[in-house]
C-alpha atoms as a PDB file:
ATOM      1  CA  UNK A   1      14.114   3.606  15.773  1.00  0.00           C
ATOM      2  CA  UNK A   2      12.949   5.792  12.863  1.00  0.00           C
ATOM      3  CA  UNK A   3      10.118   4.954  10.157  1.00  0.00           C
ATOM      4  CA  UNK A   4      11.420   3.784   7.139  1.00  0.00           C
ATOM      5  CA  UNK A   5      11.256   5.871   3.936  1.00  0.00           C
ATOM      6  CA  UNK A   6       8.294   4.621   1.641  1.00  0.00           C
ATOM      7  CA  UNK A   7       8.513   5.036  -2.149  1.00  0.00           C
ATOM      8  CA  UNK A   8       6.522   3.663  -4.598  1.00  0.00           C
ATOM      9  CA  UNK A   9       7.229   1.887  -8.146  1.00  0.00           C
ATOM     10  CA  UNK A  10       5.879   3.373 -11.107  1.00  0.00           C
ATOM     11  CA  UNK A  11       3.568   0.602 -11.623  1.00  0.00           C
ATOM     12  CA  UNK A  12       2.218   1.170  -7.840  1.00  0.00           C
ATOM     13  CA  UNK A  13       1.817   4.952  -8.533  1.00  0.00           C
ATOM     14  CA  UNK A  14      -0.425   4.085 -11.557  1.00  0.00           C
ATOM     15  CA  UNK A  15      -2.425   1.820  -9.453  1.00  0.00           C
ATOM     16  CA  UNK A  16      -2.834   4.330  -6.789  1.00  0.00           C
ATOM     17  CA  UNK A  17      -4.254   7.044  -9.099  1.00  0.00           C
ATOM     18  CA  UNK A  18      -6.462   4.762 -10.894  1.00  0.00           C
ATOM     19  CA  UNK A  19      -8.121   3.295  -7.466  1.00  0.00           C
ATOM     20  CA  UNK A  20      -8.342   6.538  -6.202  1.00  0.00           C
ATOM     21  CA  UNK A  21     -10.133   7.827  -9.366  1.00  0.00           C
ATOM     22  CA  UNK A  22     -12.621   5.197  -8.947  1.00  0.00           C
ATOM     23  CA  UNK A  23     -13.033   6.015  -5.320  1.00  0.00           C
ATOM     24  CA  UNK A  24     -13.584   9.565  -6.222  1.00  0.00           C
ATOM     25  CA  UNK A  25     -16.212   9.144  -8.849  1.00  0.00           C
ATOM     26  CA  UNK A  26     -18.321   5.988  -7.087  1.00  0.00           C
ATOM     27  CA  UNK A  27     -18.070   7.038  -3.304  1.00  0.00           C
ATOM     28  CA  UNK A  28     -19.806   9.362  -1.352  1.00  0.00           C
ATOM     29  CA  UNK A  29     -17.055   9.750   1.440  1.00  0.00           C
ATOM     30  CA  UNK A  30     -14.238  10.759  -0.768  1.00  0.00           C
ATOM     31  CA  UNK A  31     -11.840  11.774   2.406  1.00  0.00           C
ATOM     32  CA  UNK A  32     -12.046   7.793   3.535  1.00  0.00           C
ATOM     33  CA  UNK A  33      -9.741   6.886   0.829  1.00  0.00           C
ATOM     34  CA  UNK A  34      -6.885   9.441   1.692  1.00  0.00           C
ATOM     35  CA  UNK A  35      -7.291   8.408   5.489  1.00  0.00           C
ATOM     36  CA  UNK A  36      -7.154   4.812   5.230  1.00  0.00           C
ATOM     37  CA  UNK A  37      -4.342   4.782   2.597  1.00  0.00           C
ATOM     38  CA  UNK A  38      -2.325   7.294   4.331  1.00  0.00           C
ATOM     39  CA  UNK A  39      -2.682   4.917   7.636  1.00  0.00           C
ATOM     40  CA  UNK A  40      -1.690   1.967   5.827  1.00  0.00           C
ATOM     41  CA  UNK A  41       1.468   3.709   4.731  1.00  0.00           C
ATOM     42  CA  UNK A  42       2.277   4.896   8.471  1.00  0.00           C
ATOM     43  CA  UNK A  43       1.820   1.373   9.464  1.00  0.00           C
ATOM     44  CA  UNK A  44       4.374   0.049   6.781  1.00  0.00           C
ATOM     45  CA  UNK A  45       6.960   2.882   7.779  1.00  0.00           C
ATOM     46  CA  UNK A  46       7.363   1.741  11.223  1.00  0.00           C
ATOM     47  CA  UNK A  47       6.010  -1.943  10.973  1.00  0.00           C
ATOM     48  CA  UNK A  48       6.791  -3.448   7.571  1.00  0.00           C
ATOM     49  CA  UNK A  49       6.440  -6.737   9.181  1.00  0.00           C
ATOM     50  CA  UNK A  50       2.898  -6.284   9.854  1.00  0.00           C
ATOM     51  CA  UNK A  51       2.049  -7.284   6.403  1.00  0.00           C
ATOM     52  CA  UNK A  52       1.349 -10.929   5.361  1.00  0.00           C
ATOM     53  CA  UNK A  53       3.952 -12.750   2.905  1.00  0.00           C
ATOM     54  CA  UNK A  54       2.499 -13.196  -0.750  1.00  0.00           C
ATOM     55  CA  UNK A  55       4.265 -16.668  -1.944  1.00  0.00           C
ATOM     56  CA  UNK A  56       2.466 -16.227  -5.279  1.00  0.00           C
ATOM     57  CA  UNK A  57       4.176 -13.336  -6.449  1.00  0.00           C
ATOM     58  CA  UNK A  58       7.177 -13.195  -8.772  1.00  0.00           C
ATOM     59  CA  UNK A  59       9.002 -10.814  -6.551  1.00  0.00           C
ATOM     60  CA  UNK A  60      10.952 -12.508  -3.375  1.00  0.00           C
ATOM     61  CA  UNK A  61       9.694 -11.715   0.149  1.00  0.00           C
ATOM     62  CA  UNK A  62       6.629  -9.798  -1.182  1.00  0.00           C
ATOM     63  CA  UNK A  63       4.178  -8.862   1.445  1.00  0.00           C
ATOM     64  CA  UNK A  64       0.973  -7.300   1.555  1.00  0.00           C
ATOM     65  CA  UNK A  65      -1.506  -5.367   3.846  1.00  0.00           C
ATOM     66  CA  UNK A  66      -5.338  -5.237   3.281  1.00  0.00           C
ATOM     67  CA  UNK A  67      -6.686  -1.386   3.513  1.00  0.00           C
ATOM     68  CA  UNK A  68     -10.079  -2.862   4.590  1.00  0.00           C
ATOM     69  CA  UNK A  69     -12.542   0.695   4.160  1.00  0.00           C
ATOM     70  CA  UNK A  70     -10.654   1.001   0.566  1.00  0.00           C
ATOM     71  CA  UNK A  71     -10.930  -2.885   0.037  1.00  0.00           C
ATOM     72  CA  UNK A  72      -7.541  -3.346  -1.737  1.00  0.00           C
ATOM     73  CA  UNK A  73      -4.351  -4.585  -0.911  1.00  0.00           C
ATOM     74  CA  UNK A  74      -0.739  -2.768  -0.809  1.00  0.00           C
ATOM     75  CA  UNK A  75       1.809  -5.402  -1.971  1.00  0.00           C
ATOM     76  CA  UNK A  76       5.520  -4.338  -0.751  1.00  0.00           C
ATOM     77  CA  UNK A  77       9.116  -5.128   0.027  1.00  0.00           C
ATOM     78  CA  UNK A  78      11.345  -3.822   2.518  1.00  0.00           C
ATOM     79  CA  UNK A  79      14.749  -3.565   4.188  1.00  0.00           C
ATOM     80  CA  UNK A  80      16.233  -1.897   6.888  1.00  0.00           C
ATOM     81  CA  UNK A  81      15.977   2.020   5.468  1.00  0.00           C
ATOM     82  CA  UNK A  82      13.011   1.617   3.080  1.00  0.00           C
ATOM     83  CA  UNK A  83       9.618   0.244   1.653  1.00  0.00           C
ATOM     84  CA  UNK A  84       9.051  -0.267  -1.559  1.00  0.00           C
ATOM     85  CA  UNK A  85       5.293   0.004  -2.518  1.00  0.00           C
ATOM     86  CA  UNK A  86       5.034  -2.396  -5.661  1.00  0.00           C
ATOM     87  CA  UNK A  87       1.269  -2.799  -6.528  1.00  0.00           C
ATOM     88  CA  UNK A  88      -2.011  -1.568  -5.102  1.00  0.00           C
ATOM     89  CA  UNK A  89      -4.946  -3.793  -6.305  1.00  0.00           C
ATOM     90  CA  UNK A  90      -8.427  -3.731  -5.356  1.00  0.00           C
END
């Protein structure tokens, strides 16, 4: 089994940029953001079912995974071939 492709919506890309900018402006350990974010994406690519369903979302079957050290959730959907990151909120 191969990992799924991970892609981002335009909204998710904006969220990631905003959170990363905040992190780089306000934290000492800048590498933590990148390391934690990349690890979350690896998990999603290999085990997208690891996240929990988020039924409050307007999009059906949206799930989220908590990026603990960054204190944000990645919201996403997935199918057999890809994971679509839809939001990143802290």
